[in-house]
């Protein structure tokens, strides 16, 4: 009887905590993407000579695609 009560209590706590953890994981990834996108634009300006046929926004988009794959595992 005690085991059943503990398991029910644990599953209830897990049901409450998991959405909170998922929210903060998503929020953390969003912060990483925002800061990374800003940094990538600044880096893209420095990489203009490496990619002379691309514009700065195009280079930044390429870098952001790579960042998104790293952060979200796309």
PDB file of N, CA and C in Angstrom:
ATOM      1  N   UNK A   1       0.820  -1.190   0.000  1.00  0.00           N
ATOM      2  CA  UNK A   1       0.000   0.000   0.000  1.00  0.00           C
ATOM      3  C   UNK A   1       0.867   1.258   0.000  1.00  0.00           C
ATOM      4  N   UNK A   2       1.948   1.229   0.763  1.00  0.00           N
ATOM      5  CA  UNK A   2       2.836   2.382   0.807  1.00  0.00           C
ATOM      6  C   UNK A   2       3.493   2.615  -0.544  1.00  0.00           C
ATOM      7  N   UNK A   3       3.844   1.539  -1.234  1.00  0.00           N
ATOM      8  CA  UNK A   3       4.475   1.660  -2.550  1.00  0.00           C
ATOM      9  C   UNK A   3       3.530   2.323  -3.540  1.00  0.00           C
ATOM     10  N   UNK A   4       2.279   1.948  -3.511  1.00  0.00           N
ATOM     11  CA  UNK A   4       1.288   2.546  -4.414  1.00  0.00           C
ATOM     12  C   UNK A   4       1.149   4.037  -4.122  1.00  0.00           C
ATOM     13  N   UNK A   5       1.095   4.400  -2.874  1.00  0.00           N
ATOM     14  CA  UNK A   5       0.959   5.809  -2.490  1.00  0.00           C
ATOM     15  C   UNK A   5       2.186   6.607  -2.918  1.00  0.00           C
ATOM     16  N   UNK A   6       3.378   6.037  -2.754  1.00  0.00           N
ATOM     17  CA  UNK A   6       4.603   6.721  -3.165  1.00  0.00           C
ATOM     18  C   UNK A   6       4.655   6.883  -4.671  1.00  0.00           C
ATOM     19  N   UNK A   7       4.279   5.838  -5.390  1.00  0.00           N
ATOM     20  CA  UNK A   7       4.305   5.924  -6.852  1.00  0.00           C
ATOM     21  C   UNK A   7       3.320   6.959  -7.368  1.00  0.00           C
ATOM     22  N   UNK A   8       2.137   7.024  -6.766  1.00  0.00           N
ATOM     23  CA  UNK A   8       1.154   8.033  -7.181  1.00  0.00           C
ATOM     24  C   UNK A   8       1.656   9.437  -6.863  1.00  0.00           C
ATOM     25  N   UNK A   9       2.246   9.607  -5.690  1.00  0.00           N
ATOM     26  CA  UNK A   9       2.789  10.909  -5.318  1.00  0.00           C
ATOM     27  C   UNK A   9       3.935  11.315  -6.221  1.00  0.00           C
ATOM     28  N   UNK A  10       4.781  10.345  -6.566  1.00  0.00           N
ATOM     29  CA  UNK A  10       5.913  10.636  -7.442  1.00  0.00           C
ATOM     30  C   UNK A  10       5.438  10.990  -8.847  1.00  0.00           C
ATOM     31  N   UNK A  11       4.459  10.267  -9.354  1.00  0.00           N
ATOM     32  CA  UNK A  11       3.963  10.563 -10.698  1.00  0.00           C
ATOM     33  C   UNK A  11       3.258  11.922 -10.723  1.00  0.00           C
ATOM     34  N   UNK A  12       2.606  12.290  -9.645  1.00  0.00           N
ATOM     35  CA  UNK A  12       1.967  13.610  -9.587  1.00  0.00           C
ATOM     36  C   UNK A  12       3.021  14.708  -9.566  1.00  0.00           C
ATOM     37  N   UNK A  13       4.084  14.489  -8.795  1.00  0.00           N
ATOM     38  CA  UNK A  13       5.162  15.484  -8.751  1.00  0.00           C
ATOM     39  C   UNK A  13       5.853  15.592 -10.103  1.00  0.00           C
ATOM     40  N   UNK A  14       6.052  14.463 -10.751  1.00  0.00           N
ATOM     41  CA  UNK A  14       6.677  14.461 -12.074  1.00  0.00           C
ATOM     42  C   UNK A  14       5.796  15.196 -13.083  1.00  0.00           C
ATOM     43  N   UNK A  15       4.488  15.005 -12.987  1.00  0.00           N
ATOM     44  CA  UNK A  15       3.561  15.672 -13.894  1.00  0.00           C
ATOM     45  C   UNK A  15       3.591  17.187 -13.707  1.00  0.00           C
ATOM     46  N   UNK A  16       3.895  17.644 -12.520  1.00  0.00           N
ATOM     47  CA  UNK A  16       3.975  19.078 -12.254  1.00  0.00           C
ATOM     48  C   UNK A  16       5.334  19.636 -12.659  1.00  0.00           C
ATOM     49  N   UNK A  17       6.391  18.908 -12.373  1.00  0.00           N
ATOM     50  CA  UNK A  17       7.748  19.414 -12.597  1.00  0.00           C
ATOM     51  C   UNK A  17       8.150  19.363 -14.068  1.00  0.00           C
ATOM     52  N   UNK A  18       7.760  18.324 -14.801  1.00  0.00           N
ATOM     53  CA  UNK A  18       8.181  18.184 -16.193  1.00  0.00           C
ATOM     54  C   UNK A  18       7.793  19.371 -17.076  1.00  0.00           C
ATOM     55  N   UNK A  19       6.568  19.883 -17.015  1.00  0.00           N
ATOM     56  CA  UNK A  19       6.254  21.063 -17.836  1.00  0.00           C
ATOM     57  C   UNK A  19       7.090  22.288 -17.467  1.00  0.00           C
ATOM     58  N   UNK A  20       7.405  22.428 -16.207  1.00  0.00           N
ATOM     59  CA  UNK A  20       8.231  23.562 -15.779  1.00  0.00           C
ATOM     60  C   UNK A  20       9.638  23.420 -16.346  1.00  0.00           C
ATOM     61  N   UNK A  21      10.191  22.226 -16.258  1.00  0.00           N
ATOM     62  CA  UNK A  21      11.533  21.970 -16.803  1.00  0.00           C
ATOM     63  C   UNK A  21      11.537  22.180 -18.309  1.00  0.00           C
ATOM     64  N   UNK A  22      10.515  21.676 -18.996  1.00  0.00           N
ATOM     65  CA  UNK A  22      10.437  21.848 -20.449  1.00  0.00           C
ATOM     66  C   UNK A  22      10.350  23.320 -20.836  1.00  0.00           C
ATOM     67  N   UNK A  23       9.613  24.102 -20.056  1.00  0.00           N
ATOM     68  CA  UNK A  23       9.516  25.534 -20.331  1.00  0.00           C
ATOM     69  C   UNK A  23      10.881  26.195 -20.249  1.00  0.00           C
ATOM     70  N   UNK A  24      11.623  25.913 -19.177  1.00  0.00           N
ATOM     71  CA  UNK A  24      12.917  26.555 -19.018  1.00  0.00           C
ATOM     72  C   UNK A  24      13.942  26.044 -20.020  1.00  0.00           C
ATOM     73  N   UNK A  25      13.828  24.779 -20.446  1.00  0.00           N
ATOM     74  CA  UNK A  25      14.713  24.288 -21.503  1.00  0.00           C
ATOM     75  C   UNK A  25      14.445  25.048 -22.799  1.00  0.00           C
ATOM     76  N   UNK A  26      13.175  25.222 -23.129  1.00  0.00           N
ATOM     77  CA  UNK A  26      12.819  25.962 -24.331  1.00  0.00           C
ATOM     78  C   UNK A  26      13.230  27.417 -24.242  1.00  0.00           C
ATOM     79  N   UNK A  27      13.050  28.005 -23.084  1.00  0.00           N
ATOM     80  CA  UNK A  27      13.443  29.398 -22.875  1.00  0.00           C
ATOM     81  C   UNK A  27      14.953  29.552 -23.015  1.00  0.00           C
ATOM     82  N   UNK A  28      15.709  28.607 -22.457  1.00  0.00           N
ATOM     83  CA  UNK A  28      17.167  28.643 -22.571  1.00  0.00           C
ATOM     84  C   UNK A  28      17.625  28.533 -24.013  1.00  0.00           C
ATOM     85  N   UNK A  29      16.986  27.656 -24.790  1.00  0.00           N
ATOM     86  CA  UNK A  29      17.338  27.521 -26.199  1.00  0.00           C
ATOM     87  C   UNK A  29      17.013  28.803 -26.968  1.00  0.00           C
ATOM     88  N   UNK A  30      15.908  29.435 -26.620  1.00  0.00           N
ATOM     89  CA  UNK A  30      15.538  30.687 -27.289  1.00  0.00           C
ATOM     90  C   UNK A  30      16.562  31.781 -26.989  1.00  0.00           C
ATOM     91  N   UNK A  31      17.054  31.833 -25.765  1.00  0.00           N
ATOM     92  CA  UNK A  31      18.072  32.823 -25.402  1.00  0.00           C
ATOM     93  C   UNK A  31      19.363  32.551 -26.173  1.00  0.00           C
ATOM     94  N   UNK A  32      19.751  31.281 -26.273  1.00  0.00           N
ATOM     95  CA  UNK A  32      20.953  30.924 -27.026  1.00  0.00           C
ATOM     96  C   UNK A  32      20.802  31.334 -28.489  1.00  0.00           C
ATOM     97  N   UNK A  33      19.633  31.073 -29.070  1.00  0.00           N
ATOM     98  CA  UNK A  33      19.403  31.446 -30.469  1.00  0.00           C
ATOM     99  C   UNK A  33      19.447  32.961 -30.660  1.00  0.00           C
ATOM    100  N   UNK A  34      18.855  33.707 -29.748  1.00  0.00           N
ATOM    101  CA  UNK A  34      18.835  35.166 -29.874  1.00  0.00           C
ATOM    102  C   UNK A  34      20.241  35.750 -29.782  1.00  0.00           C
ATOM    103  N   UNK A  35      20.983  35.291 -28.805  1.00  0.00           N
ATOM    104  CA  UNK A  35      22.352  35.813 -28.655  1.00  0.00           C
ATOM    105  C   UNK A  35      23.236  35.350 -29.802  1.00  0.00           C
ATOM    106  N   UNK A  36      23.015  34.121 -30.245  1.00  0.00           N
ATOM    107  CA  UNK A  36      23.795  33.594 -31.357  1.00  0.00           C
ATOM    108  C   UNK A  36      23.509  34.321 -32.653  1.00  0.00           C
ATOM    109  N   UNK A  37      22.243  34.651 -32.887  1.00  0.00           N
ATOM    110  CA  UNK A  37      21.880  35.367 -34.112  1.00  0.00           C
ATOM    111  C   UNK A  37      22.523  36.751 -34.148  1.00  0.00           C
ATOM    112  N   UNK A  38      22.545  37.405 -33.017  1.00  0.00           N
ATOM    113  CA  UNK A  38      23.196  38.724 -32.949  1.00  0.00           C
ATOM    114  C   UNK A  38      24.698  38.601 -33.201  1.00  0.00           C
ATOM    115  N   UNK A  39      25.317  37.612 -32.573  1.00  0.00           N
ATOM    116  CA  UNK A  39      26.753  37.403 -32.768  1.00  0.00           C
ATOM    117  C   UNK A  39      27.047  37.000 -34.205  1.00  0.00           C
ATOM    118  N   UNK A  40      26.175  36.173 -34.797  1.00  0.00           N
ATOM    119  CA  UNK A  40      26.398  35.738 -36.174  1.00  0.00           C
ATOM    120  C   UNK A  40      26.350  36.896 -37.156  1.00  0.00           C
ATOM    121  N   UNK A  41      25.491  37.876 -36.904  1.00  0.00           N
ATOM    122  CA  UNK A  41      25.441  39.031 -37.806  1.00  0.00           C
ATOM    123  C   UNK A  41      26.745  39.824 -37.735  1.00  0.00           C
ATOM    124  N   UNK A  42      27.270  39.975 -36.531  1.00  0.00           N
ATOM    125  CA  UNK A  42      28.545  40.691 -36.384  1.00  0.00           C
ATOM    126  C   UNK A  42      29.686  39.908 -37.033  1.00  0.00           C
ATOM    127  N   UNK A  43      29.653  38.595 -36.888  1.00  0.00           N
ATOM    128  CA  UNK A  43      30.678  37.751 -37.509  1.00  0.00           C
ATOM    129  C   UNK A  43      30.538  37.782 -39.027  1.00  0.00           C
ATOM    130  N   UNK A  44      29.300  37.824 -39.522  1.00  0.00           N
ATOM    131  CA  UNK A  44      29.065  37.856 -40.966  1.00  0.00           C
ATOM    132  C   UNK A  44      29.699  39.090 -41.598  1.00  0.00           C
ATOM    133  N   UNK A  45      29.684  40.199 -40.879  1.00  0.00           N
ATOM    134  CA  UNK A  45      30.338  41.402 -41.398  1.00  0.00           C
ATOM    135  C   UNK A  45      31.831  41.183 -41.559  1.00  0.00           C
ATOM    136  N   UNK A  46      32.435  40.426 -40.640  1.00  0.00           N
ATOM    137  CA  UNK A  46      33.862  40.145 -40.733  1.00  0.00           C
ATOM    138  C   UNK A  46      34.188  39.095 -41.800  1.00  0.00           C
ATOM    139  N   UNK A  47      33.206  38.276 -42.156  1.00  0.00           N
ATOM    140  CA  UNK A  47      33.431  37.204 -43.129  1.00  0.00           C
ATOM    141  C   UNK A  47      33.110  37.613 -44.566  1.00  0.00           C
ATOM    142  N   UNK A  48      32.822  38.879 -44.788  1.00  0.00           N
ATOM    143  CA  UNK A  48      32.487  39.329 -46.143  1.00  0.00           C
ATOM    144  C   UNK A  48      33.581  39.004 -47.143  1.00  0.00           C
ATOM    145  N   UNK A  49      34.841  39.109 -46.731  1.00  0.00           N
ATOM    146  CA  UNK A  49      35.935  38.826 -47.666  1.00  0.00           C
ATOM    147  C   UNK A  49      36.075  37.337 -47.952  1.00  0.00           C
ATOM    148  N   UNK A  50      35.578  36.476 -47.070  1.00  0.00           N
ATOM    149  CA  UNK A  50      35.622  35.027 -47.287  1.00  0.00           C
ATOM    150  C   UNK A  50      34.535  34.582 -48.271  1.00  0.00           C
ATOM    151  N   UNK A  51      33.426  35.300 -48.296  1.00  0.00           N
ATOM    152  CA  UNK A  51      32.299  34.983 -49.176  1.00  0.00           C
ATOM    153  C   UNK A  51      31.956  36.237 -49.995  1.00  0.00           C
ATOM    154  N   UNK A  52      32.779  36.580 -50.988  1.00  0.00           N
ATOM    155  CA  UNK A  52      32.562  37.844 -51.706  1.00  0.00           C
ATOM    156  C   UNK A  52      31.273  37.880 -52.535  1.00  0.00           C
ATOM    157  N   UNK A  53      30.727  36.717 -52.904  1.00  0.00           N
ATOM    158  CA  UNK A  53      29.516  36.698 -53.721  1.00  0.00           C
ATOM    159  C   UNK A  53      28.236  36.685 -52.886  1.00  0.00           C
ATOM    160  N   UNK A  54      28.376  36.721 -51.557  1.00  0.00           N
ATOM    161  CA  UNK A  54      27.208  36.703 -50.667  1.00  0.00           C
ATOM    162  C   UNK A  54      27.110  38.018 -49.906  1.00  0.00           C
ATOM    163  N   UNK A  55      25.872  38.407 -49.604  1.00  0.00           N
ATOM    164  CA  UNK A  55      25.663  39.609 -48.796  1.00  0.00           C
ATOM    165  C   UNK A  55      25.809  39.259 -47.316  1.00  0.00           C
ATOM    166  N   UNK A  56      25.926  40.280 -46.490  1.00  0.00           N
ATOM    167  CA  UNK A  56      26.052  40.066 -45.044  1.00  0.00           C
ATOM    168  C   UNK A  56      24.822  39.337 -44.488  1.00  0.00           C
ATOM    169  N   UNK A  57      23.599  39.737 -44.853  1.00  0.00           N
ATOM    170  CA  UNK A  57      22.444  38.985 -44.336  1.00  0.00           C
ATOM    171  C   UNK A  57      22.433  37.516 -44.794  1.00  0.00           C
ATOM    172  N   UNK A  58      22.920  37.246 -46.009  1.00  0.00           N
ATOM    173  CA  UNK A  58      22.963  35.862 -46.492  1.00  0.00           C
ATOM    174  C   UNK A  58      23.983  35.040 -45.699  1.00  0.00           C
ATOM    175  N   UNK A  59      25.113  35.635 -45.384  1.00  0.00           N
ATOM    176  CA  UNK A  59      26.127  34.942 -44.568  1.00  0.00           C
ATOM    177  C   UNK A  59      25.568  34.698 -43.166  1.00  0.00           C
ATOM    178  N   UNK A  60      24.902  35.703 -42.608  1.00  0.00           N
ATOM    179  CA  UNK A  60      24.310  35.559 -41.275  1.00  0.00           C
ATOM    180  C   UNK A  60      23.244  34.462 -41.279  1.00  0.00           C
ATOM    181  N   UNK A  61      22.450  34.383 -42.332  1.00  0.00           N
ATOM    182  CA  UNK A  61      21.426  33.334 -42.421  1.00  0.00           C
ATOM    183  C   UNK A  61      22.072  31.954 -42.473  1.00  0.00           C
ATOM    184  N   UNK A  62      23.178  31.833 -43.191  1.00  0.00           N
ATOM    185  CA  UNK A  62      23.894  30.562 -43.262  1.00  0.00           C
ATOM    186  C   UNK A  62      24.407  30.171 -41.875  1.00  0.00           C
ATOM    187  N   UNK A  63      24.982  31.123 -41.161  1.00  0.00           N
ATOM    188  CA  UNK A  63      25.474  30.853 -39.812  1.00  0.00           C
ATOM    189  C   UNK A  63      24.326  30.519 -38.860  1.00  0.00           C
ATOM    190  N   UNK A  64      23.209  31.212 -39.005  1.00  0.00           N
ATOM    191  CA  UNK A  64      22.058  30.947 -38.141  1.00  0.00           C
ATOM    192  C   UNK A  64      21.457  29.568 -38.397  1.00  0.00           C
ATOM    193  N   UNK A  65      21.483  29.116 -39.645  1.00  0.00           N
ATOM    194  CA  UNK A  65      21.012  27.766 -39.943  1.00  0.00           C
ATOM    195  C   UNK A  65      21.869  26.725 -39.237  1.00  0.00           C
ATOM    196  N   UNK A  66      23.169  26.936 -39.254  1.00  0.00           N
ATOM    197  CA  UNK A  66      24.067  26.005 -38.557  1.00  0.00           C
ATOM    198  C   UNK A  66      23.832  26.041 -37.049  1.00  0.00           C
ATOM    199  N   UNK A  67      23.611  27.235 -36.515  1.00  0.00           N
ATOM    200  CA  UNK A  67      23.339  27.366 -35.083  1.00  0.00           C
ATOM    201  C   UNK A  67      22.044  26.657 -34.709  1.00  0.00           C
ATOM    202  N   UNK A  68      21.003  26.838 -35.528  1.00  0.00           N
ATOM    203  CA  UNK A  68      19.715  26.206 -35.251  1.00  0.00           C
ATOM    204  C   UNK A  68      19.848  24.681 -35.235  1.00  0.00           C
ATOM    205  N   UNK A  69      20.648  24.139 -36.154  1.00  0.00           N
ATOM    206  CA  UNK A  69      20.871  22.699 -36.192  1.00  0.00           C
ATOM    207  C   UNK A  69      21.580  22.225 -34.917  1.00  0.00           C
ATOM    208  N   UNK A  70      22.511  23.018 -34.421  1.00  0.00           N
ATOM    209  CA  UNK A  70      23.227  22.643 -33.192  1.00  0.00           C
ATOM    210  C   UNK A  70      22.325  22.733 -31.965  1.00  0.00           C
ATOM    211  N   UNK A  71      21.524  23.780 -31.894  1.00  0.00           N
ATOM    212  CA  UNK A  71      20.712  24.011 -30.694  1.00  0.00           C
ATOM    213  C   UNK A  71      19.500  23.081 -30.652  1.00  0.00           C
ATOM    214  N   UNK A  72      18.781  22.982 -31.775  1.00  0.00           N
ATOM    215  CA  UNK A  72      17.541  22.221 -31.799  1.00  0.00           C
ATOM    216  C   UNK A  72      17.697  20.818 -32.374  1.00  0.00           C
ATOM    217  N   UNK A  73      18.865  20.515 -32.932  1.00  0.00           N
ATOM    218  CA  UNK A  73      19.095  19.189 -33.483  1.00  0.00           C
ATOM    219  C   UNK A  73      18.287  18.903 -34.728  1.00  0.00           C
ATOM    220  N   UNK A  74      18.028  19.931 -35.515  1.00  0.00           N
ATOM    221  CA  UNK A  74      17.251  19.747 -36.770  1.00  0.00           C
ATOM    222  C   UNK A  74      18.039  18.926 -37.764  1.00  0.00           C
TER     223      UNK A  74
END
